Amino acid sequence: LSEGAFNGVTAIKLLYLDNNNLKSLPKGLQFTTITNITLSNNPWNCSCQLASLRRWMDSRQNATDAICASPSSQKGKQIRESTALRR
């Protein structure tokens, strides 16, 4: 996804991003209106760029999780468990 993929979009409720070979999310993505995101089967880079996603996931008890592919110290961990994304 390009950095501006969600610019001007203010009312996303559901976001299905499974199986898209995504490593990160665009910086402009606002999580305020999102109620559900599916993220599985993507090689997520669990770096600071996913911190806002982690905060959103922590605020939702039933939010689905995804697995980190990088950096190597985080590989195989769920995004919620990643020590690189602590609040």
Protein backbone atom coordinates (compact mmCIF):
# COMPACT_ATOMS: atom_id res chain seq x y z
CA LEU A 1 0.00 0.00 0.00
CA SER A 2 1.29 3.45 -0.81
CA GLU A 3 1.71 6.03 1.96
CA GLY A 4 -1.33 7.99 0.77
CA ALA A 5 -3.61 5.01 0.14
CA PHE A 6 -6.07 6.11 2.84
CA ASN A 7 -5.71 9.89 2.62
CA GLY A 8 -9.11 11.54 2.80
CA VAL A 9 -10.84 8.32 3.87
CA THR A 10 -12.54 9.01 7.18
CA ALA A 11 -15.12 6.29 7.74
CA ILE A 12 -13.48 2.87 7.29
CA LYS A 13 -15.26 0.27 9.43
CA LEU A 14 -13.94 -3.02 8.07
CA LEU A 15 -10.53 -3.52 6.51
CA TYR A 16 -9.59 -6.86 4.93
CA LEU A 17 -5.86 -7.04 4.27
CA ASP A 18 -5.21 -10.80 4.37
CA ASN A 19 -2.79 -12.35 1.88
CA ASN A 20 -1.45 -9.11 0.40
CA ASN A 21 2.29 -9.47 1.11
CA LEU A 22 2.11 -6.38 3.35
CA LYS A 23 5.00 -5.55 5.66
CA SER A 24 3.57 -2.35 7.13
CA LEU A 25 0.58 -0.04 6.99
CA PRO A 26 0.50 3.51 5.59
CA LYS A 27 1.23 6.24 8.13
CA GLY A 28 -2.00 8.07 7.28
CA LEU A 29 -4.30 5.21 8.29
CA GLN A 30 -6.67 6.36 11.05
CA PHE A 31 -7.92 3.63 13.37
CA THR A 32 -10.63 5.71 15.06
CA THR A 33 -13.58 4.38 13.02
CA ILE A 34 -12.25 0.88 12.29
CA THR A 35 -14.11 -1.91 14.05
CA ASN A 36 -12.43 -4.91 12.42
CA ILE A 37 -9.20 -5.60 10.53
CA THR A 38 -8.04 -8.91 9.11
CA LEU A 39 -4.27 -9.10 8.73
CA SER A 40 -3.24 -12.74 8.41
CA ASN A 41 -0.73 -14.19 5.97
CA ASN A 42 1.34 -11.06 5.51
CA PRO A 43 5.07 -10.77 6.32
CA TRP A 44 4.66 -7.98 8.92
CA ASN A 45 7.70 -5.93 9.89
CA CYS A 46 7.11 -5.39 13.60
CA SER A 47 8.83 -2.05 13.87
CA CYS A 48 7.66 1.28 15.25
CA GLN A 49 5.55 1.85 12.12
CA LEU A 50 3.05 -0.72 13.42
CA ALA A 51 2.80 0.88 16.88
CA SER A 52 -0.57 2.52 16.15
CA LEU A 53 -1.92 -0.85 14.97
CA ARG A 54 -0.69 -2.46 18.20
CA ARG A 55 -2.42 0.22 20.28
CA TRP A 56 -5.64 -0.34 18.34
CA MET A 57 -5.38 -4.11 18.83
CA ASP A 58 -4.78 -3.68 22.56
CA SER A 59 -7.97 -1.61 22.80
CA ARG A 60 -10.06 -4.36 21.16
CA GLN A 61 -10.46 -7.64 22.97
CA ASN A 62 -11.61 -9.56 19.93
CA ALA A 63 -9.16 -8.08 17.42
CA THR A 64 -7.49 -10.74 15.32
CA ASP A 65 -3.74 -10.90 15.52
CA ALA A 66 -1.05 -11.40 12.92
CA ILE A 67 2.48 -12.80 12.96
CA CYS A 68 5.70 -10.80 12.69
CA ALA A 69 8.11 -11.86 9.95
CA SER A 70 10.82 -9.34 10.82
CA PRO A 71 13.04 -8.15 12.37
CA SER A 72 14.59 -11.51 13.23
CA SER A 73 14.23 -10.88 16.98
CA GLN A 74 10.44 -10.65 16.52
CA LYS A 75 9.95 -13.33 13.87
CA GLY A 76 7.12 -15.72 14.73
CA LYS A 77 5.66 -13.53 17.49
CA GLN A 78 2.15 -12.20 17.31
CA ILE A 79 1.98 -8.43 16.84
CA ARG A 80 0.41 -8.15 20.31
CA GLU A 81 3.39 -10.01 21.82
CA SER A 82 6.09 -8.12 19.96
CA THR A 83 8.50 -6.43 22.34
CA ALA A 84 9.40 -4.01 19.53
CA LEU A 85 5.89 -2.54 19.71
CA ARG A 86 5.48 -1.94 23.41
CA ARG A 87 3.14 0.87 24.34
